[in-house]
C-alpha atoms as a PDB file:
ATOM      1  CA  UNK A   1     102.979 106.471 106.242  1.00  0.00           C
ATOM      2  CA  UNK A   2     102.372 104.744 109.551  1.00  0.00           C
ATOM      3  CA  UNK A   3      98.635 104.969 108.828  1.00  0.00           C
ATOM      4  CA  UNK A   4      99.282 102.904 105.685  1.00  0.00           C
ATOM      5  CA  UNK A   5     101.609 100.551 107.510  1.00  0.00           C
ATOM      6  CA  UNK A   6      98.859  99.974 110.028  1.00  0.00           C
ATOM      7  CA  UNK A   7      97.005  97.986 107.440  1.00  0.00           C
ATOM      8  CA  UNK A   8      99.935  95.624 107.562  1.00  0.00           C
ATOM      9  CA  UNK A   9     100.961  95.625 111.210  1.00  0.00           C
ATOM     10  CA  UNK A  10      99.841  98.350 113.563  1.00  0.00           C
ATOM     11  CA  UNK A  11      96.068  98.337 114.020  1.00  0.00           C
ATOM     12  CA  UNK A  12      96.398  98.229 117.798  1.00  0.00           C
ATOM     13  CA  UNK A  13      99.550 100.243 118.416  1.00  0.00           C
ATOM     14  CA  UNK A  14      99.875 103.859 119.471  1.00  0.00           C
ATOM     15  CA  UNK A  15     102.598 106.228 118.305  1.00  0.00           C
ATOM     16  CA  UNK A  16     106.074 105.111 119.361  1.00  0.00           C
ATOM     17  CA  UNK A  17     108.942 105.562 121.307  1.00  0.00           C
ATOM     18  CA  UNK A  18     112.459 106.165 122.143  1.00  0.00           C
ATOM     19  CA  UNK A  19     113.364 109.862 121.949  1.00  0.00           C
ATOM     20  CA  UNK A  20     115.408 110.414 118.821  1.00  0.00           C
ATOM     21  CA  UNK A  21     118.723 112.245 118.740  1.00  0.00           C
ATOM     22  CA  UNK A  22     118.608 115.782 117.409  1.00  0.00           C
ATOM     23  CA  UNK A  23     121.627 115.009 115.296  1.00  0.00           C
ATOM     24  CA  UNK A  24     121.067 113.926 111.732  1.00  0.00           C
ATOM     25  CA  UNK A  25     121.436 110.117 111.648  1.00  0.00           C
ATOM     26  CA  UNK A  26     123.868 108.495 109.307  1.00  0.00           C
ATOM     27  CA  UNK A  27     122.606 106.773 106.171  1.00  0.00           C
ATOM     28  CA  UNK A  28     122.742 102.964 106.125  1.00  0.00           C
ATOM     29  CA  UNK A  29     126.234 101.518 106.164  1.00  0.00           C
ATOM     30  CA  UNK A  30     128.282 100.808 103.076  1.00  0.00           C
ATOM     31  CA  UNK A  31     128.275 102.528  99.719  1.00  0.00           C
ATOM     32  CA  UNK A  32     125.242 104.189  98.264  1.00  0.00           C
ATOM     33  CA  UNK A  33     124.243 102.862  94.878  1.00  0.00           C
ATOM     34  CA  UNK A  34     123.025 104.874  91.888  1.00  0.00           C
ATOM     35  CA  UNK A  35     119.338 105.423  91.316  1.00  0.00           C
ATOM     36  CA  UNK A  36     117.620 102.048  91.776  1.00  0.00           C
ATOM     37  CA  UNK A  37     116.641 100.148  88.671  1.00  0.00           C
ATOM     38  CA  UNK A  38     113.125  99.760  90.064  1.00  0.00           C
ATOM     39  CA  UNK A  39     110.985 102.887  89.993  1.00  0.00           C
ATOM     40  CA  UNK A  40     109.256 104.271  93.070  1.00  0.00           C
ATOM     41  CA  UNK A  41     106.034 102.645  91.908  1.00  0.00           C
ATOM     42  CA  UNK A  42     107.740  99.298  91.331  1.00  0.00           C
ATOM     43  CA  UNK A  43     109.196  99.210  94.837  1.00  0.00           C
ATOM     44  CA  UNK A  44     105.940 100.246  96.455  1.00  0.00           C
ATOM     45  CA  UNK A  45     103.943  97.720  94.470  1.00  0.00           C
ATOM     46  CA  UNK A  46     106.293  94.966  95.627  1.00  0.00           C
ATOM     47  CA  UNK A  47     105.859  95.998  99.270  1.00  0.00           C
ATOM     48  CA  UNK A  48     102.102  96.331  98.843  1.00  0.00           C
ATOM     49  CA  UNK A  49     101.803  92.813  97.400  1.00  0.00           C
ATOM     50  CA  UNK A  50     103.998  91.288 100.107  1.00  0.00           C
ATOM     51  CA  UNK A  51     101.886  92.836 102.872  1.00  0.00           C
ATOM     52  CA  UNK A  52      98.790  91.138 101.475  1.00  0.00           C
ATOM     53  CA  UNK A  53     100.178  87.773 100.392  1.00  0.00           C
ATOM     54  CA  UNK A  54     102.534  86.585 103.135  1.00  0.00           C
ATOM     55  CA  UNK A  55     101.809  84.696 106.367  1.00  0.00           C
ATOM     56  CA  UNK A  56     104.008  85.699 109.288  1.00  0.00           C
ATOM     57  CA  UNK A  57     104.300  85.993 113.063  1.00  0.00           C
ATOM     58  CA  UNK A  58     106.465  88.615 114.701  1.00  0.00           C
ATOM     59  CA  UNK A  59     107.013  91.273 117.333  1.00  0.00           C
ATOM     60  CA  UNK A  60     106.836  94.813 115.988  1.00  0.00           C
ATOM     61  CA  UNK A  61     108.270  97.814 117.834  1.00  0.00           C
ATOM     62  CA  UNK A  62     107.468 101.482 117.124  1.00  0.00           C
ATOM     63  CA  UNK A  63     109.688 104.265 118.455  1.00  0.00           C
ATOM     64  CA  UNK A  64     109.094 107.978 118.138  1.00  0.00           C
ATOM     65  CA  UNK A  65     107.980 111.086 119.983  1.00  0.00           C
ATOM     66  CA  UNK A  66     109.701 109.958 123.161  1.00  0.00           C
ATOM     67  CA  UNK A  67     107.666 106.774 123.469  1.00  0.00           C
ATOM     68  CA  UNK A  68     108.066 103.085 122.790  1.00  0.00           C
ATOM     69  CA  UNK A  69     105.293 100.631 121.945  1.00  0.00           C
ATOM     70  CA  UNK A  70     105.311  97.052 120.770  1.00  0.00           C
ATOM     71  CA  UNK A  71     102.871  94.376 119.662  1.00  0.00           C
ATOM     72  CA  UNK A  72     102.800  90.718 118.721  1.00  0.00           C
ATOM     73  CA  UNK A  73     101.307  90.115 115.275  1.00  0.00           C
ATOM     74  CA  UNK A  74      99.848  87.029 113.621  1.00  0.00           C
ATOM     75  CA  UNK A  75      98.984  87.476 109.930  1.00  0.00           C
ATOM     76  CA  UNK A  76      97.577  84.917 107.500  1.00  0.00           C
ATOM     77  CA  UNK A  77      96.163  85.039 103.991  1.00  0.00           C
ATOM     78  CA  UNK A  78      94.145  82.521 102.002  1.00  0.00           C
ATOM     79  CA  UNK A  79      93.423  83.672  98.473  1.00  0.00           C
ATOM     80  CA  UNK A  80      91.402  86.872  98.796  1.00  0.00           C
ATOM     81  CA  UNK A  81      90.914  86.393 102.553  1.00  0.00           C
ATOM     82  CA  UNK A  82      93.218  88.128 105.018  1.00  0.00           C
ATOM     83  CA  UNK A  83      93.182  87.859 108.764  1.00  0.00           C
ATOM     84  CA  UNK A  84      95.400  89.137 111.531  1.00  0.00           C
ATOM     85  CA  UNK A  85      95.630  89.444 115.280  1.00  0.00           C
ATOM     86  CA  UNK A  86      97.567  92.274 116.930  1.00  0.00           C
ATOM     87  CA  UNK A  87      98.244  91.944 120.657  1.00  0.00           C
ATOM     88  CA  UNK A  88      99.570  95.042 122.404  1.00  0.00           C
ATOM     89  CA  UNK A  89     102.595  94.332 124.603  1.00  0.00           C
ATOM     90  CA  UNK A  90     102.853  97.833 126.097  1.00  0.00           C
ATOM     91  CA  UNK A  91     100.349 100.230 127.627  1.00  0.00           C
ATOM     92  CA  UNK A  92      96.769  99.203 128.342  1.00  0.00           C
ATOM     93  CA  UNK A  93      95.859  95.645 127.281  1.00  0.00           C
ATOM     94  CA  UNK A  94      94.346  95.584 123.810  1.00  0.00           C
ATOM     95  CA  UNK A  95      93.722  92.906 121.200  1.00  0.00           C
ATOM     96  CA  UNK A  96      92.714  93.763 117.646  1.00  0.00           C
ATOM     97  CA  UNK A  97      91.444  91.279 115.080  1.00  0.00           C
ATOM     98  CA  UNK A  98      90.939  92.071 111.407  1.00  0.00           C
ATOM     99  CA  UNK A  99      89.202  89.882 108.849  1.00  0.00           C
ATOM    100  CA  UNK A 100      89.390  91.733 105.535  1.00  0.00           C
ATOM    101  CA  UNK A 101      87.572  95.004 106.301  1.00  0.00           C
ATOM    102  CA  UNK A 102      85.958  93.820 109.548  1.00  0.00           C
ATOM    103  CA  UNK A 103      87.828  94.933 112.684  1.00  0.00           C
ATOM    104  CA  UNK A 104      87.170  94.082 116.345  1.00  0.00           C
ATOM    105  CA  UNK A 105      89.192  95.702 119.125  1.00  0.00           C
ATOM    106  CA  UNK A 106      88.960  94.095 122.580  1.00  0.00           C
ATOM    107  CA  UNK A 107      89.570  96.327 125.609  1.00  0.00           C
ATOM    108  CA  UNK A 108      89.760  93.928 128.579  1.00  0.00           C
ATOM    109  CA  UNK A 109      89.978  96.582 131.313  1.00  0.00           C
ATOM    110  CA  UNK A 110      86.660  98.197 130.325  1.00  0.00           C
ATOM    111  CA  UNK A 111      85.153  94.955 128.967  1.00  0.00           C
ATOM    112  CA  UNK A 112      84.321  96.737 125.732  1.00  0.00           C
ATOM    113  CA  UNK A 113      84.759  95.507 122.180  1.00  0.00           C
ATOM    114  CA  UNK A 114      84.729  98.049 119.349  1.00  0.00           C
ATOM    115  CA  UNK A 115      83.389  96.803 116.014  1.00  0.00           C
ATOM    116  CA  UNK A 116      84.369  98.743 112.909  1.00  0.00           C
ATOM    117  CA  UNK A 117      84.439  98.343 109.186  1.00  0.00           C
ATOM    118  CA  UNK A 118      87.578  99.692 107.548  1.00  0.00           C
ATOM    119  CA  UNK A 119      88.487  99.722 103.914  1.00  0.00           C
ATOM    120  CA  UNK A 120      91.527  97.497 103.466  1.00  0.00           C
ATOM    121  CA  UNK A 121      94.164  99.421 101.555  1.00  0.00           C
ATOM    122  CA  UNK A 122      97.011  97.022 102.127  1.00  0.00           C
ATOM    123  CA  UNK A 123     100.382  98.570 102.818  1.00  0.00           C
ATOM    124  CA  UNK A 124      99.776 101.506 100.499  1.00  0.00           C
ATOM    125  CA  UNK A 125      96.576 103.076  99.167  1.00  0.00           C
ATOM    126  CA  UNK A 126      95.024 101.939  95.906  1.00  0.00           C
ATOM    127  CA  UNK A 127      96.297 105.175  94.397  1.00  0.00           C
ATOM    128  CA  UNK A 128      99.592 103.424  93.766  1.00  0.00           C
ATOM    129  CA  UNK A 129      98.021 100.833  91.523  1.00  0.00           C
ATOM    130  CA  UNK A 130      95.895 103.318  89.623  1.00  0.00           C
ATOM    131  CA  UNK A 131      98.442 106.080  89.035  1.00  0.00           C
ATOM    132  CA  UNK A 132     101.904 104.886  90.023  1.00  0.00           C
ATOM    133  CA  UNK A 133     103.653 107.081  87.462  1.00  0.00           C
ATOM    134  CA  UNK A 134     102.744 110.272  89.354  1.00  0.00           C
ATOM    135  CA  UNK A 135     104.700 109.081  92.397  1.00  0.00           C
ATOM    136  CA  UNK A 136     107.945 110.024  90.650  1.00  0.00           C
ATOM    137  CA  UNK A 137     106.820 113.678  90.762  1.00  0.00           C
ATOM    138  CA  UNK A 138     106.843 113.707  94.550  1.00  0.00           C
ATOM    139  CA  UNK A 139     109.388 111.066  95.605  1.00  0.00           C
ATOM    140  CA  UNK A 140     112.797 109.945  94.395  1.00  0.00           C
ATOM    141  CA  UNK A 141     114.194 106.540  95.256  1.00  0.00           C
ATOM    142  CA  UNK A 142     117.828 105.837  96.220  1.00  0.00           C
ATOM    143  CA  UNK A 143     119.121 102.362  96.952  1.00  0.00           C
ATOM    144  CA  UNK A 144     121.769 101.429  99.532  1.00  0.00           C
ATOM    145  CA  UNK A 145     123.716  98.289 100.348  1.00  0.00           C
ATOM    146  CA  UNK A 146     121.678  95.544 102.003  1.00  0.00           C
ATOM    147  CA  UNK A 147     121.522  95.051 105.780  1.00  0.00           C
ATOM    148  CA  UNK A 148     120.186  92.418 108.174  1.00  0.00           C
ATOM    149  CA  UNK A 149     117.028  93.035 110.211  1.00  0.00           C
ATOM    150  CA  UNK A 150     115.527  90.455 112.597  1.00  0.00           C
ATOM    151  CA  UNK A 151     117.822  87.856 111.008  1.00  0.00           C
ATOM    152  CA  UNK A 152     116.764  88.556 107.417  1.00  0.00           C
ATOM    153  CA  UNK A 153     118.756  90.128 104.594  1.00  0.00           C
ATOM    154  CA  UNK A 154     116.999  93.285 103.497  1.00  0.00           C
ATOM    155  CA  UNK A 155     117.250  95.726 100.617  1.00  0.00           C
ATOM    156  CA  UNK A 156     117.572  99.309 101.890  1.00  0.00           C
ATOM    157  CA  UNK A 157     116.201 102.314 100.065  1.00  0.00           C
ATOM    158  CA  UNK A 158     115.221 105.887 100.713  1.00  0.00           C
ATOM    159  CA  UNK A 159     112.116 107.562  99.345  1.00  0.00           C
ATOM    160  CA  UNK A 160     113.121 111.210  99.270  1.00  0.00           C
ATOM    161  CA  UNK A 161     110.431 113.900  98.953  1.00  0.00           C
ATOM    162  CA  UNK A 162     110.628 116.395  96.122  1.00  0.00           C
ATOM    163  CA  UNK A 163     109.108 119.213  98.222  1.00  0.00           C
ATOM    164  CA  UNK A 164     108.489 120.251 101.821  1.00  0.00           C
ATOM    165  CA  UNK A 165     104.880 119.000 101.938  1.00  0.00           C
ATOM    166  CA  UNK A 166     105.838 115.437 102.836  1.00  0.00           C
ATOM    167  CA  UNK A 167     108.383 113.470 104.836  1.00  0.00           C
ATOM    168  CA  UNK A 168     110.958 111.056 103.508  1.00  0.00           C
ATOM    169  CA  UNK A 169     111.237 107.358 104.340  1.00  0.00           C
ATOM    170  CA  UNK A 170     114.032 104.859 104.747  1.00  0.00           C
ATOM    171  CA  UNK A 171     112.745 101.325 104.204  1.00  0.00           C
ATOM    172  CA  UNK A 172     114.249  97.870 104.801  1.00  0.00           C
ATOM    173  CA  UNK A 173     112.614  95.240 102.553  1.00  0.00           C
ATOM    174  CA  UNK A 174     113.182  91.506 102.995  1.00  0.00           C
ATOM    175  CA  UNK A 175     114.975  90.404  99.842  1.00  0.00           C
ATOM    176  CA  UNK A 176     112.994  87.267  98.971  1.00  0.00           C
ATOM    177  CA  UNK A 177     109.449  88.297  99.877  1.00  0.00           C
ATOM    178  CA  UNK A 178     109.373  92.093  99.638  1.00  0.00           C
ATOM    179  CA  UNK A 179     107.939  92.382 103.162  1.00  0.00           C
ATOM    180  CA  UNK A 180     108.811  95.589 105.018  1.00  0.00           C
ATOM    181  CA  UNK A 181     110.837  94.651 108.106  1.00  0.00           C
ATOM    182  CA  UNK A 182     111.907  98.135 109.181  1.00  0.00           C
ATOM    183  CA  UNK A 183     110.791 101.673 108.406  1.00  0.00           C
ATOM    184  CA  UNK A 184     112.034 105.125 109.379  1.00  0.00           C
ATOM    185  CA  UNK A 185     110.164 108.372 108.789  1.00  0.00           C
ATOM    186  CA  UNK A 186     112.600 111.221 108.091  1.00  0.00           C
ATOM    187  CA  UNK A 187     112.308 114.980 108.458  1.00  0.00           C
ATOM    188  CA  UNK A 188     113.457 117.321 105.721  1.00  0.00           C
ATOM    189  CA  UNK A 189     116.901 117.430 107.364  1.00  0.00           C
ATOM    190  CA  UNK A 190     117.155 113.658 107.584  1.00  0.00           C
ATOM    191  CA  UNK A 191     116.293 113.403 111.287  1.00  0.00           C
ATOM    192  CA  UNK A 192     114.505 110.184 112.270  1.00  0.00           C
ATOM    193  CA  UNK A 193     111.046 111.199 113.479  1.00  0.00           C
ATOM    194  CA  UNK A 194     109.778 107.674 113.972  1.00  0.00           C
ATOM    195  CA  UNK A 195     111.029 104.120 113.543  1.00  0.00           C
ATOM    196  CA  UNK A 196     109.093 100.869 113.243  1.00  0.00           C
ATOM    197  CA  UNK A 197     110.758  97.477 112.978  1.00  0.00           C
ATOM    198  CA  UNK A 198     110.420  93.771 113.654  1.00  0.00           C
ATOM    199  CA  UNK A 199     112.520  92.620 116.587  1.00  0.00           C
ATOM    200  CA  UNK A 200     111.741  89.025 115.621  1.00  0.00           C
ATOM    201  CA  UNK A 201     109.953  87.566 112.632  1.00  0.00           C
ATOM    202  CA  UNK A 202     108.871  84.155 111.339  1.00  0.00           C
ATOM    203  CA  UNK A 203     107.933  84.150 107.659  1.00  0.00           C
ATOM    204  CA  UNK A 204     105.428  81.668 106.196  1.00  0.00           C
ATOM    205  CA  UNK A 205     104.389  80.794 109.743  1.00  0.00           C
ATOM    206  CA  UNK A 206     101.648  78.152 110.240  1.00  0.00           C
ATOM    207  CA  UNK A 207      98.970  80.644 111.330  1.00  0.00           C
ATOM    208  CA  UNK A 208      95.449  79.181 111.468  1.00  0.00           C
ATOM    209  CA  UNK A 209      92.770  81.425 109.956  1.00  0.00           C
ATOM    210  CA  UNK A 210      90.084  79.224 111.549  1.00  0.00           C
ATOM    211  CA  UNK A 211      91.611  79.655 115.014  1.00  0.00           C
ATOM    212  CA  UNK A 212      91.924  83.421 114.655  1.00  0.00           C
ATOM    213  CA  UNK A 213      88.337  83.597 113.402  1.00  0.00           C
ATOM    214  CA  UNK A 214      87.134  81.655 116.435  1.00  0.00           C
ATOM    215  CA  UNK A 215      89.012  83.999 118.780  1.00  0.00           C
ATOM    216  CA  UNK A 216      87.552  87.017 116.985  1.00  0.00           C
ATOM    217  CA  UNK A 217      83.992  85.774 117.548  1.00  0.00           C
ATOM    218  CA  UNK A 218      84.494  85.199 121.281  1.00  0.00           C
ATOM    219  CA  UNK A 219      82.824  88.421 122.504  1.00  0.00           C
ATOM    220  CA  UNK A 220      80.887  86.994 125.466  1.00  0.00           C
ATOM    221  CA  UNK A 221      81.155  89.217 128.531  1.00  0.00           C
ATOM    222  CA  UNK A 222      81.997  92.323 126.490  1.00  0.00           C
ATOM    223  CA  UNK A 223      79.832  95.320 125.717  1.00  0.00           C
ATOM    224  CA  UNK A 224      79.682  95.810 121.964  1.00  0.00           C
ATOM    225  CA  UNK A 225      80.104  99.363 120.687  1.00  0.00           C
ATOM    226  CA  UNK A 226      79.758  99.934 116.992  1.00  0.00           C
ATOM    227  CA  UNK A 227      80.899 103.252 115.545  1.00  0.00           C
ATOM    228  CA  UNK A 228      78.991 103.652 112.312  1.00  0.00           C
ATOM    229  CA  UNK A 229      80.707 104.934 109.193  1.00  0.00           C
ATOM    230  CA  UNK A 230      78.396 105.935 106.371  1.00  0.00           C
ATOM    231  CA  UNK A 231      80.194 106.412 103.087  1.00  0.00           C
ATOM    232  CA  UNK A 232      79.496 109.782 101.526  1.00  0.00           C
ATOM    233  CA  UNK A 233      81.228 112.607  99.646  1.00  0.00           C
ATOM    234  CA  UNK A 234      82.500 115.892 100.984  1.00  0.00           C
ATOM    235  CA  UNK A 235      80.460 117.750  98.378  1.00  0.00           C
ATOM    236  CA  UNK A 236      77.268 116.036  99.528  1.00  0.00           C
ATOM    237  CA  UNK A 237      78.014 117.167 103.081  1.00  0.00           C
ATOM    238  CA  UNK A 238      78.679 120.734 101.958  1.00  0.00           C
ATOM    239  CA  UNK A 239      82.477 120.870 101.874  1.00  0.00           C
ATOM    240  CA  UNK A 240      85.002 121.495  99.134  1.00  0.00           C
ATOM    241  CA  UNK A 241      88.781 121.819  98.966  1.00  0.00           C
ATOM    242  CA  UNK A 242      89.101 124.982  96.904  1.00  0.00           C
ATOM    243  CA  UNK A 243      92.906 124.720  96.688  1.00  0.00           C
ATOM    244  CA  UNK A 244      94.423 121.333  95.929  1.00  0.00           C
ATOM    245  CA  UNK A 245      97.417 120.306  98.044  1.00  0.00           C
ATOM    246  CA  UNK A 246     100.013 119.106  95.542  1.00  0.00           C
ATOM    247  CA  UNK A 247     100.168 115.337  95.170  1.00  0.00           C
ATOM    248  CA  UNK A 248      97.305 114.539  97.552  1.00  0.00           C
ATOM    249  CA  UNK A 249      94.142 113.005  96.161  1.00  0.00           C
ATOM    250  CA  UNK A 250      90.860 112.248  97.986  1.00  0.00           C
ATOM    251  CA  UNK A 251      90.609 108.559  98.878  1.00  0.00           C
ATOM    252  CA  UNK A 252      87.332 108.261 100.787  1.00  0.00           C
ATOM    253  CA  UNK A 253      84.885 110.189 102.936  1.00  0.00           C
ATOM    254  CA  UNK A 254      82.706 109.014 105.838  1.00  0.00           C
ATOM    255  CA  UNK A 255      80.074 110.374 108.156  1.00  0.00           C
ATOM    256  CA  UNK A 256      80.954 108.865 111.543  1.00  0.00           C
ATOM    257  CA  UNK A 257      78.656 108.298 114.496  1.00  0.00           C
ATOM    258  CA  UNK A 258      78.718 106.196 117.650  1.00  0.00           C
ATOM    259  CA  UNK A 259      75.730 104.277 118.983  1.00  0.00           C
ATOM    260  CA  UNK A 260      75.473 103.343 122.618  1.00  0.00           C
ATOM    261  CA  UNK A 261      78.274 105.686 123.664  1.00  0.00           C
ATOM    262  CA  UNK A 262      78.098 108.425 126.243  1.00  0.00           C
ATOM    263  CA  UNK A 263      80.699 110.350 124.290  1.00  0.00           C
ATOM    264  CA  UNK A 264      78.190 112.310 122.248  1.00  0.00           C
ATOM    265  CA  UNK A 265      80.926 114.642 120.990  1.00  0.00           C
ATOM    266  CA  UNK A 266      82.070 111.810 118.715  1.00  0.00           C
ATOM    267  CA  UNK A 267      78.752 111.760 116.875  1.00  0.00           C
ATOM    268  CA  UNK A 268      78.188 113.224 113.433  1.00  0.00           C
ATOM    269  CA  UNK A 269      81.815 113.775 112.527  1.00  0.00           C
ATOM    270  CA  UNK A 270      82.867 113.918 108.897  1.00  0.00           C
ATOM    271  CA  UNK A 271      86.175 112.219 108.035  1.00  0.00           C
ATOM    272  CA  UNK A 272      87.708 113.103 104.660  1.00  0.00           C
ATOM    273  CA  UNK A 273      90.832 111.092 103.794  1.00  0.00           C
ATOM    274  CA  UNK A 274      93.587 112.117 101.367  1.00  0.00           C
ATOM    275  CA  UNK A 275      96.794 110.399 100.271  1.00  0.00           C
ATOM    276  CA  UNK A 276      99.744 110.960  97.989  1.00  0.00           C
ATOM    277  CA  UNK A 277     100.327 107.196  97.831  1.00  0.00           C
ATOM    278  CA  UNK A 278     102.591 107.144 100.889  1.00  0.00           C
ATOM    279  CA  UNK A 279     101.497 109.818 103.344  1.00  0.00           C
ATOM    280  CA  UNK A 280      97.868 110.202 104.369  1.00  0.00           C
ATOM    281  CA  UNK A 281      95.865 113.069 105.875  1.00  0.00           C
ATOM    282  CA  UNK A 282      92.485 112.878 107.589  1.00  0.00           C
ATOM    283  CA  UNK A 283      90.257 115.927 108.001  1.00  0.00           C
ATOM    284  CA  UNK A 284      87.735 115.530 110.849  1.00  0.00           C
ATOM    285  CA  UNK A 285      84.947 118.114 110.726  1.00  0.00           C
ATOM    286  CA  UNK A 286      82.319 118.466 113.468  1.00  0.00           C
ATOM    287  CA  UNK A 287      80.015 121.178 114.838  1.00  0.00           C
ATOM    288  CA  UNK A 288      81.784 123.710 117.035  1.00  0.00           C
ATOM    289  CA  UNK A 289      80.903 123.428 120.734  1.00  0.00           C
ATOM    290  CA  UNK A 290      82.017 126.238 123.044  1.00  0.00           C
ATOM    291  CA  UNK A 291      83.810 124.997 126.123  1.00  0.00           C
ATOM    292  CA  UNK A 292      84.890 121.772 124.527  1.00  0.00           C
ATOM    293  CA  UNK A 293      86.665 123.211 121.499  1.00  0.00           C
ATOM    294  CA  UNK A 294      89.167 125.740 122.792  1.00  0.00           C
ATOM    295  CA  UNK A 295      92.025 127.604 121.159  1.00  0.00           C
ATOM    296  CA  UNK A 296      93.454 126.495 117.785  1.00  0.00           C
ATOM    297  CA  UNK A 297      96.454 124.300 118.292  1.00  0.00           C
ATOM    298  CA  UNK A 298      99.117 122.250 116.547  1.00  0.00           C
ATOM    299  CA  UNK A 299     101.193 119.442 117.992  1.00  0.00           C
ATOM    300  CA  UNK A 300     103.459 116.584 116.978  1.00  0.00           C
ATOM    301  CA  UNK A 301     104.013 113.077 118.287  1.00  0.00           C
ATOM    302  CA  UNK A 302     106.804 111.395 116.405  1.00  0.00           C
ATOM    303  CA  UNK A 303     105.907 111.683 112.728  1.00  0.00           C
ATOM    304  CA  UNK A 304     102.204 112.328 113.393  1.00  0.00           C
ATOM    305  CA  UNK A 305     101.139 115.972 113.350  1.00  0.00           C
ATOM    306  CA  UNK A 306      97.783 117.408 114.421  1.00  0.00           C
ATOM    307  CA  UNK A 307      96.247 120.816 113.726  1.00  0.00           C
ATOM    308  CA  UNK A 308      92.958 122.152 115.094  1.00  0.00           C
ATOM    309  CA  UNK A 309      91.070 125.338 114.317  1.00  0.00           C
ATOM    310  CA  UNK A 310      87.581 126.837 114.263  1.00  0.00           C
ATOM    311  CA  UNK A 311      85.840 127.397 110.939  1.00  0.00           C
ATOM    312  CA  UNK A 312      82.726 129.438 111.687  1.00  0.00           C
ATOM    313  CA  UNK A 313      80.197 127.029 113.208  1.00  0.00           C
ATOM    314  CA  UNK A 314      82.540 124.092 112.652  1.00  0.00           C
ATOM    315  CA  UNK A 315      85.650 122.615 114.255  1.00  0.00           C
ATOM    316  CA  UNK A 316      88.406 121.082 112.144  1.00  0.00           C
ATOM    317  CA  UNK A 317      90.957 118.531 113.305  1.00  0.00           C
ATOM    318  CA  UNK A 318      93.561 117.690 110.652  1.00  0.00           C
ATOM    319  CA  UNK A 319      95.808 114.686 111.345  1.00  0.00           C
ATOM    320  CA  UNK A 320      98.544 113.110 109.255  1.00  0.00           C
ATOM    321  CA  UNK A 321     102.113 111.934 109.039  1.00  0.00           C
ATOM    322  CA  UNK A 322     103.054 115.108 107.194  1.00  0.00           C
ATOM    323  CA  UNK A 323     104.644 118.441 108.161  1.00  0.00           C
ATOM    324  CA  UNK A 324     102.435 120.987 109.915  1.00  0.00           C
ATOM    325  CA  UNK A 325     102.573 123.241 106.842  1.00  0.00           C
ATOM    326  CA  UNK A 326     100.809 120.518 104.853  1.00  0.00           C
ATOM    327  CA  UNK A 327      97.965 120.361 107.374  1.00  0.00           C
ATOM    328  CA  UNK A 328      97.780 124.168 107.292  1.00  0.00           C
ATOM    329  CA  UNK A 329      97.458 124.043 103.498  1.00  0.00           C
ATOM    330  CA  UNK A 330      94.498 121.678 103.816  1.00  0.00           C
ATOM    331  CA  UNK A 331      92.884 123.908 106.440  1.00  0.00           C
ATOM    332  CA  UNK A 332      93.330 127.002 104.297  1.00  0.00           C
ATOM    333  CA  UNK A 333      91.847 125.303 101.257  1.00  0.00           C
ATOM    334  CA  UNK A 334      88.803 123.847 103.034  1.00  0.00           C
ATOM    335  CA  UNK A 335      85.593 125.758 102.461  1.00  0.00           C
ATOM    336  CA  UNK A 336      81.944 125.387 103.499  1.00  0.00           C
ATOM    337  CA  UNK A 337      79.523 125.479 100.547  1.00  0.00           C
ATOM    338  CA  UNK A 338      76.157 125.295 102.263  1.00  0.00           C
END
């Protein structure tokens, strides 16, 4: 889900944070309510709309996998236009600007600016708007008593998975606007794998789109690198998922390449993206190169899991905020057709 949340807040932040306790955390304080009157789709639509329609400034902190990262965020919207600036406060200096689907990432230490074009999915993929009713098959919603986060009263709810192919989520939603102010990703046993939250937040802040646009264009003194993403289909590139992973639907597919980069191993990589409306999975497929691609592996960092394996003359890297068994199901179902 953090991939989806990135559209709202985390374009420039790495995986979090403070090491989580192995004990199962307690549910939010106070009495649990019955099944919320809003459906899963209703809640998610409200959060999706708020992420696209509100202006705000705040500091966002992500914790998970034994690491902590934070960023300062400026977000503004003007009709159909959205713009944001994300300034990393931890790790290497990094500034990311997004104007609709245009993204520039400034790396001051290397004097490089990365220019990309990313489809803007808002807080959650378009799948929610097109087929919200199916969400109830894979997630149940439970509502808890409200709590305060960053000085704001927030509704608290849990999105509980119906199977072991996805994680659960506990979400704090600002009562008046519907903006997500805190989010926890939960394992099947209720353990917090990752947490993201505002430590401070100013809603309806006077953010200037013109000023952010001017800052975004100030690339003098930087080397421009432009990874190219050509939209395609997996079938056209010779790949098919012979076994569908329950609840996950294909969202988009790109052939990626990098011009002007010495990292030739990044060239000609296929990225096939799937989502169940909350969680997302990316399959990266590239030619196998002996010496660079070693033994198959799986690893986890907070809620993000990665699986790699060889498929004949190809190398697969599957990444997503899903259990490892879900990535394995994608790998097992992937097949080369030509």
